[in-house]
């Protein structure tokens, strides 16, 4: 029997804990509150919210946990439902005034300060076997279509080709590589501090982002 409508999509969402200079990371609150928020507001048809997990703001020493999280998206539950699997990673840019869709990650780890587990690499490849530090992995999601969808919803959002060289870029690079291997998709979005854009507005943005990702990826 054939099913009606588009194939369902499962979106897993991650955020980060605090790190140097950011004592309260808005993505931790967003991710911890997201399931309750979508229960109240509802999700678009065919969209399933998967795991909502908060990651340590750390690089190499947090890799086992990161890959455990990513492997969860290949569970039998997802494969039985024949879902499309999308990883949506959220990070904070403490100097930003608007949201940013990150189109790519670069194979370079140059941390401006030690991460939360004390690691501070300088000009190191994230995946040595991938080659040059300037090698970029791009999202297979339609970043431009997502951007336009969010703008049409009235959100202040921009496109970015530079996710930095800190933990956000580090995690995104690993996720893009993993997603390519597994047939998933991965996208990273930077959000401002709640002092710049309040929490309720940011939750509304994330709900619109889930819709945009599901309909365009």
C-alpha atoms as a PDB file:
ATOM      1  CA  UNK A   1       0.000   0.000   0.000  1.00  0.00           C
ATOM      2  CA  UNK A   2       1.358   3.385  -0.931  1.00  0.00           C
ATOM      3  CA  UNK A   3       1.472   6.201   1.554  1.00  0.00           C
ATOM      4  CA  UNK A   4       0.015   9.618   0.903  1.00  0.00           C
ATOM      5  CA  UNK A   5       1.997  12.824   1.115  1.00  0.00           C
ATOM      6  CA  UNK A   6       5.760  13.319   1.311  1.00  0.00           C
ATOM      7  CA  UNK A   7       8.072  10.835   2.966  1.00  0.00           C
ATOM      8  CA  UNK A   8       8.487  11.672   6.633  1.00  0.00           C
ATOM      9  CA  UNK A   9      11.578  13.394   7.941  1.00  0.00           C
ATOM     10  CA  UNK A  10      13.168  12.950  11.357  1.00  0.00           C
ATOM     11  CA  UNK A  11      15.118  15.973  12.582  1.00  0.00           C
ATOM     12  CA  UNK A  12      17.587  15.512  15.425  1.00  0.00           C
ATOM     13  CA  UNK A  13      18.625  18.728  17.163  1.00  0.00           C
ATOM     14  CA  UNK A  14      21.735  19.484  19.202  1.00  0.00           C
ATOM     15  CA  UNK A  15      22.905  22.497  21.175  1.00  0.00           C
ATOM     16  CA  UNK A  16      25.904  23.257  23.377  1.00  0.00           C
ATOM     17  CA  UNK A  17      26.608  23.854  27.040  1.00  0.00           C
ATOM     18  CA  UNK A  18      28.410  26.904  28.359  1.00  0.00           C
ATOM     19  CA  UNK A  19      31.933  27.836  27.324  1.00  0.00           C
ATOM     20  CA  UNK A  20      34.473  30.538  28.054  1.00  0.00           C
ATOM     21  CA  UNK A  21      32.808  33.942  27.714  1.00  0.00           C
ATOM     22  CA  UNK A  22      29.280  32.483  27.494  1.00  0.00           C
ATOM     23  CA  UNK A  23      28.088  31.429  30.935  1.00  0.00           C
ATOM     24  CA  UNK A  24      24.560  30.668  29.713  1.00  0.00           C
ATOM     25  CA  UNK A  25      24.352  29.204  26.226  1.00  0.00           C
ATOM     26  CA  UNK A  26      20.942  29.921  24.662  1.00  0.00           C
ATOM     27  CA  UNK A  27      21.135  26.744  22.579  1.00  0.00           C
ATOM     28  CA  UNK A  28      21.129  24.668  25.769  1.00  0.00           C
ATOM     29  CA  UNK A  29      17.808  26.219  26.801  1.00  0.00           C
ATOM     30  CA  UNK A  30      16.380  25.949  23.280  1.00  0.00           C
ATOM     31  CA  UNK A  31      17.199  22.261  22.931  1.00  0.00           C
ATOM     32  CA  UNK A  32      16.095  21.357  26.456  1.00  0.00           C
ATOM     33  CA  UNK A  33      12.727  23.084  25.946  1.00  0.00           C
ATOM     34  CA  UNK A  34      12.098  22.176  22.311  1.00  0.00           C
ATOM     35  CA  UNK A  35      10.070  18.974  22.726  1.00  0.00           C
ATOM     36  CA  UNK A  36       7.661  20.630  25.136  1.00  0.00           C
ATOM     37  CA  UNK A  37       7.424  23.660  22.837  1.00  0.00           C
ATOM     38  CA  UNK A  38       6.515  21.637  19.747  1.00  0.00           C
ATOM     39  CA  UNK A  39       3.992  19.608  21.745  1.00  0.00           C
ATOM     40  CA  UNK A  40       2.238  22.900  22.460  1.00  0.00           C
ATOM     41  CA  UNK A  41       2.664  24.507  19.030  1.00  0.00           C
ATOM     42  CA  UNK A  42       2.589  21.429  16.791  1.00  0.00           C
ATOM     43  CA  UNK A  43       4.827  20.290  13.945  1.00  0.00           C
ATOM     44  CA  UNK A  44       4.241  20.386  10.183  1.00  0.00           C
ATOM     45  CA  UNK A  45       2.797  17.176   8.670  1.00  0.00           C
ATOM     46  CA  UNK A  46       5.439  14.527   8.051  1.00  0.00           C
ATOM     47  CA  UNK A  47       7.938  16.097  10.451  1.00  0.00           C
ATOM     48  CA  UNK A  48       9.115  14.070  13.422  1.00  0.00           C
ATOM     49  CA  UNK A  49      11.309  15.594  16.100  1.00  0.00           C
ATOM     50  CA  UNK A  50      13.987  13.070  17.004  1.00  0.00           C
ATOM     51  CA  UNK A  51      16.564  13.437  19.746  1.00  0.00           C
ATOM     52  CA  UNK A  52      17.202  16.789  21.399  1.00  0.00           C
ATOM     53  CA  UNK A  53      20.650  16.652  22.950  1.00  0.00           C
ATOM     54  CA  UNK A  54      23.049  19.155  24.499  1.00  0.00           C
ATOM     55  CA  UNK A  55      26.726  18.594  23.697  1.00  0.00           C
ATOM     56  CA  UNK A  56      29.791  19.482  25.713  1.00  0.00           C
ATOM     57  CA  UNK A  57      31.460  22.516  24.153  1.00  0.00           C
ATOM     58  CA  UNK A  58      34.586  20.545  23.336  1.00  0.00           C
ATOM     59  CA  UNK A  59      36.499  19.086  20.418  1.00  0.00           C
ATOM     60  CA  UNK A  60      38.613  15.958  20.288  1.00  0.00           C
ATOM     61  CA  UNK A  61      37.961  14.814  23.867  1.00  0.00           C
ATOM     62  CA  UNK A  62      34.202  14.928  23.255  1.00  0.00           C
ATOM     63  CA  UNK A  63      34.292  12.955  19.987  1.00  0.00           C
ATOM     64  CA  UNK A  64      33.134   9.639  21.507  1.00  0.00           C
ATOM     65  CA  UNK A  65      29.972  11.317  22.790  1.00  0.00           C
ATOM     66  CA  UNK A  66      29.436  13.183  19.516  1.00  0.00           C
ATOM     67  CA  UNK A  67      29.617   9.995  17.479  1.00  0.00           C
ATOM     68  CA  UNK A  68      27.375   8.180  19.930  1.00  0.00           C
ATOM     69  CA  UNK A  69      24.846  10.960  19.361  1.00  0.00           C
ATOM     70  CA  UNK A  70      25.223  10.794  15.575  1.00  0.00           C
ATOM     71  CA  UNK A  71      24.947   7.000  15.544  1.00  0.00           C
ATOM     72  CA  UNK A  72      21.600   7.312  17.305  1.00  0.00           C
ATOM     73  CA  UNK A  73      20.196   8.677  14.042  1.00  0.00           C
ATOM     74  CA  UNK A  74      20.846   5.328  12.344  1.00  0.00           C
ATOM     75  CA  UNK A  75      18.671   3.390  14.795  1.00  0.00           C
ATOM     76  CA  UNK A  76      16.296   0.691  13.626  1.00  0.00           C
ATOM     77  CA  UNK A  77      13.357   2.936  14.504  1.00  0.00           C
ATOM     78  CA  UNK A  78      14.379   5.439  11.830  1.00  0.00           C
ATOM     79  CA  UNK A  79      15.208   2.815   9.207  1.00  0.00           C
ATOM     80  CA  UNK A  80      11.898   1.012   9.763  1.00  0.00           C
ATOM     81  CA  UNK A  81      10.016   4.237   9.157  1.00  0.00           C
ATOM     82  CA  UNK A  82      12.110   4.900   6.047  1.00  0.00           C
ATOM     83  CA  UNK A  83      12.623   8.434   7.310  1.00  0.00           C
ATOM     84  CA  UNK A  84      14.916  11.005   5.918  1.00  0.00           C
ATOM     85  CA  UNK A  85      17.315  11.870   8.726  1.00  0.00           C
ATOM     86  CA  UNK A  86      18.522  15.416   9.230  1.00  0.00           C
ATOM     87  CA  UNK A  87      20.919  16.675  11.891  1.00  0.00           C
ATOM     88  CA  UNK A  88      20.267  20.259  12.937  1.00  0.00           C
ATOM     89  CA  UNK A  89      23.059  21.690  15.074  1.00  0.00           C
ATOM     90  CA  UNK A  90      22.590  24.963  16.967  1.00  0.00           C
ATOM     91  CA  UNK A  91      25.408  27.124  18.293  1.00  0.00           C
ATOM     92  CA  UNK A  92      25.648  30.626  19.679  1.00  0.00           C
ATOM     93  CA  UNK A  93      27.512  33.567  18.199  1.00  0.00           C
ATOM     94  CA  UNK A  94      27.746  35.936  21.162  1.00  0.00           C
ATOM     95  CA  UNK A  95      28.446  38.942  18.937  1.00  0.00           C
ATOM     96  CA  UNK A  96      25.627  38.335  16.469  1.00  0.00           C
ATOM     97  CA  UNK A  97      22.492  40.421  16.068  1.00  0.00           C
ATOM     98  CA  UNK A  98      20.671  37.938  13.821  1.00  0.00           C
ATOM     99  CA  UNK A  99      20.467  34.244  13.004  1.00  0.00           C
ATOM    100  CA  UNK A 100      22.937  32.697  10.548  1.00  0.00           C
ATOM    101  CA  UNK A 101      22.584  29.657   8.297  1.00  0.00           C
ATOM    102  CA  UNK A 102      26.032  28.072   8.005  1.00  0.00           C
ATOM    103  CA  UNK A 103      26.579  26.759   4.506  1.00  0.00           C
ATOM    104  CA  UNK A 104      29.841  24.921   5.211  1.00  0.00           C
ATOM    105  CA  UNK A 105      32.509  23.821   7.674  1.00  0.00           C
ATOM    106  CA  UNK A 106      36.283  23.906   7.117  1.00  0.00           C
ATOM    107  CA  UNK A 107      38.868  21.244   7.969  1.00  0.00           C
ATOM    108  CA  UNK A 108      40.693  23.465  10.459  1.00  0.00           C
ATOM    109  CA  UNK A 109      40.685  23.584  14.255  1.00  0.00           C
ATOM    110  CA  UNK A 110      42.195  26.792  15.623  1.00  0.00           C
ATOM    111  CA  UNK A 111      40.587  27.449  18.984  1.00  0.00           C
ATOM    112  CA  UNK A 112      40.824  31.017  20.307  1.00  0.00           C
ATOM    113  CA  UNK A 113      40.624  29.642  23.861  1.00  0.00           C
ATOM    114  CA  UNK A 114      40.684  26.182  25.439  1.00  0.00           C
ATOM    115  CA  UNK A 115      37.468  24.245  25.036  1.00  0.00           C
ATOM    116  CA  UNK A 116      35.563  23.048  28.097  1.00  0.00           C
ATOM    117  CA  UNK A 117      37.779  19.957  28.343  1.00  0.00           C
ATOM    118  CA  UNK A 118      41.007  21.956  28.087  1.00  0.00           C
ATOM    119  CA  UNK A 119      41.964  21.376  24.428  1.00  0.00           C
ATOM    120  CA  UNK A 120      43.251  24.304  22.355  1.00  0.00           C
ATOM    121  CA  UNK A 121      44.484  23.234  18.898  1.00  0.00           C
ATOM    122  CA  UNK A 122      46.168  25.671  16.538  1.00  0.00           C
ATOM    123  CA  UNK A 123      46.000  25.203  12.760  1.00  0.00           C
ATOM    124  CA  UNK A 124      45.275  21.486  13.053  1.00  0.00           C
ATOM    125  CA  UNK A 125      43.248  19.517  10.511  1.00  0.00           C
ATOM    126  CA  UNK A 126      39.996  18.217  11.942  1.00  0.00           C
ATOM    127  CA  UNK A 127      40.276  15.075   9.797  1.00  0.00           C
ATOM    128  CA  UNK A 128      43.955  14.656   8.818  1.00  0.00           C
ATOM    129  CA  UNK A 129      43.040  12.217   6.066  1.00  0.00           C
ATOM    130  CA  UNK A 130      40.902  14.845   4.340  1.00  0.00           C
ATOM    131  CA  UNK A 131      43.997  16.880   3.466  1.00  0.00           C
ATOM    132  CA  UNK A 132      44.300  20.655   3.421  1.00  0.00           C
ATOM    133  CA  UNK A 133      43.141  22.926   6.226  1.00  0.00           C
ATOM    134  CA  UNK A 134      41.102  24.995   3.789  1.00  0.00           C
ATOM    135  CA  UNK A 135      39.079  22.020   2.546  1.00  0.00           C
ATOM    136  CA  UNK A 136      35.389  22.825   3.000  1.00  0.00           C
ATOM    137  CA  UNK A 137      32.487  20.435   3.361  1.00  0.00           C
ATOM    138  CA  UNK A 138      29.164  21.980   2.335  1.00  0.00           C
ATOM    139  CA  UNK A 139      25.708  21.104   3.559  1.00  0.00           C
ATOM    140  CA  UNK A 140      23.543  19.153   1.127  1.00  0.00           C
ATOM    141  CA  UNK A 141      20.501  21.025   2.455  1.00  0.00           C
ATOM    142  CA  UNK A 142      19.233  23.856   0.287  1.00  0.00           C
ATOM    143  CA  UNK A 143      20.588  26.689   2.416  1.00  0.00           C
ATOM    144  CA  UNK A 144      19.242  29.389   0.101  1.00  0.00           C
ATOM    145  CA  UNK A 145      15.708  27.959   0.156  1.00  0.00           C
ATOM    146  CA  UNK A 146      15.833  27.660   3.951  1.00  0.00           C
ATOM    147  CA  UNK A 147      17.004  31.264   4.211  1.00  0.00           C
ATOM    148  CA  UNK A 148      14.179  32.514   2.003  1.00  0.00           C
ATOM    149  CA  UNK A 149      11.579  30.494   3.906  1.00  0.00           C
ATOM    150  CA  UNK A 150      12.714  32.023   7.199  1.00  0.00           C
ATOM    151  CA  UNK A 151      12.798  35.542   5.781  1.00  0.00           C
ATOM    152  CA  UNK A 152       9.261  35.048   4.482  1.00  0.00           C
ATOM    153  CA  UNK A 153       8.262  34.198   8.061  1.00  0.00           C
ATOM    154  CA  UNK A 154       9.670  37.541   9.198  1.00  0.00           C
ATOM    155  CA  UNK A 155      12.879  36.324  10.864  1.00  0.00           C
ATOM    156  CA  UNK A 156      16.119  38.315  10.792  1.00  0.00           C
ATOM    157  CA  UNK A 157      18.474  35.765   9.276  1.00  0.00           C
ATOM    158  CA  UNK A 158      21.533  35.745   7.028  1.00  0.00           C
ATOM    159  CA  UNK A 159      23.721  33.299   5.107  1.00  0.00           C
ATOM    160  CA  UNK A 160      27.241  32.544   6.341  1.00  0.00           C
ATOM    161  CA  UNK A 161      30.189  30.708   4.803  1.00  0.00           C
ATOM    162  CA  UNK A 162      32.316  30.922   7.955  1.00  0.00           C
ATOM    163  CA  UNK A 163      31.336  28.945  11.050  1.00  0.00           C
ATOM    164  CA  UNK A 164      34.569  30.030  12.750  1.00  0.00           C
ATOM    165  CA  UNK A 165      37.350  27.630  13.714  1.00  0.00           C
ATOM    166  CA  UNK A 166      36.132  26.811  17.212  1.00  0.00           C
ATOM    167  CA  UNK A 167      33.923  23.951  18.452  1.00  0.00           C
ATOM    168  CA  UNK A 168      30.918  24.848  16.262  1.00  0.00           C
ATOM    169  CA  UNK A 169      32.932  24.398  13.077  1.00  0.00           C
ATOM    170  CA  UNK A 170      34.623  21.299  14.567  1.00  0.00           C
ATOM    171  CA  UNK A 171      31.340  19.537  15.307  1.00  0.00           C
ATOM    172  CA  UNK A 172      29.776  20.650  12.015  1.00  0.00           C
ATOM    173  CA  UNK A 173      32.684  19.270   9.992  1.00  0.00           C
ATOM    174  CA  UNK A 174      32.419  15.875  11.689  1.00  0.00           C
ATOM    175  CA  UNK A 175      28.634  15.880  11.268  1.00  0.00           C
ATOM    176  CA  UNK A 176      28.799  16.739   7.561  1.00  0.00           C
ATOM    177  CA  UNK A 177      31.294  13.945   6.984  1.00  0.00           C
ATOM    178  CA  UNK A 178      29.216  11.452   8.967  1.00  0.00           C
ATOM    179  CA  UNK A 179      26.004  12.525   7.219  1.00  0.00           C
ATOM    180  CA  UNK A 180      27.587  12.004   3.804  1.00  0.00           C
ATOM    181  CA  UNK A 181      28.674   8.487   4.782  1.00  0.00           C
ATOM    182  CA  UNK A 182      25.245   7.546   6.171  1.00  0.00           C
ATOM    183  CA  UNK A 183      23.023   9.224   3.586  1.00  0.00           C
ATOM    184  CA  UNK A 184      21.797  11.789   6.107  1.00  0.00           C
ATOM    185  CA  UNK A 185      21.827  15.583   5.899  1.00  0.00           C
ATOM    186  CA  UNK A 186      23.391  18.064   8.296  1.00  0.00           C
ATOM    187  CA  UNK A 187      22.943  21.791   8.882  1.00  0.00           C
ATOM    188  CA  UNK A 188      24.393  24.210  11.421  1.00  0.00           C
ATOM    189  CA  UNK A 189      22.683  27.428  12.504  1.00  0.00           C
ATOM    190  CA  UNK A 190      24.135  30.128  14.737  1.00  0.00           C
ATOM    191  CA  UNK A 191      21.810  32.033  17.049  1.00  0.00           C
ATOM    192  CA  UNK A 192      22.421  35.244  19.046  1.00  0.00           C
ATOM    193  CA  UNK A 193      22.327  35.584  22.815  1.00  0.00           C
ATOM    194  CA  UNK A 194      18.901  35.945  24.428  1.00  0.00           C
ATOM    195  CA  UNK A 195      19.908  39.506  25.335  1.00  0.00           C
ATOM    196  CA  UNK A 196      19.920  40.278  21.586  1.00  0.00           C
ATOM    197  CA  UNK A 197      16.875  38.214  20.518  1.00  0.00           C
ATOM    198  CA  UNK A 198      14.610  37.018  23.316  1.00  0.00           C
ATOM    199  CA  UNK A 199      13.936  33.360  24.055  1.00  0.00           C
ATOM    200  CA  UNK A 200      10.351  33.228  22.789  1.00  0.00           C
ATOM    201  CA  UNK A 201      11.340  34.768  19.455  1.00  0.00           C
ATOM    202  CA  UNK A 202      14.181  32.277  19.170  1.00  0.00           C
ATOM    203  CA  UNK A 203      11.826  29.348  19.861  1.00  0.00           C
ATOM    204  CA  UNK A 204       9.496  30.651  17.144  1.00  0.00           C
ATOM    205  CA  UNK A 205      12.499  30.833  14.826  1.00  0.00           C
ATOM    206  CA  UNK A 206      13.503  27.231  15.573  1.00  0.00           C
ATOM    207  CA  UNK A 207       9.982  26.002  14.859  1.00  0.00           C
ATOM    208  CA  UNK A 208      10.043  27.838  11.519  1.00  0.00           C
ATOM    209  CA  UNK A 209      13.517  26.412  10.902  1.00  0.00           C
ATOM    210  CA  UNK A 210      12.261  22.846  11.443  1.00  0.00           C
ATOM    211  CA  UNK A 211       9.540  23.497   8.867  1.00  0.00           C
ATOM    212  CA  UNK A 212      12.010  25.033   6.417  1.00  0.00           C
ATOM    213  CA  UNK A 213      14.508  22.190   6.790  1.00  0.00           C
ATOM    214  CA  UNK A 214      11.834  19.521   6.371  1.00  0.00           C
ATOM    215  CA  UNK A 215      10.322  21.106   3.269  1.00  0.00           C
ATOM    216  CA  UNK A 216      13.573  21.931   1.457  1.00  0.00           C
ATOM    217  CA  UNK A 217      16.190  19.320   2.398  1.00  0.00           C
END
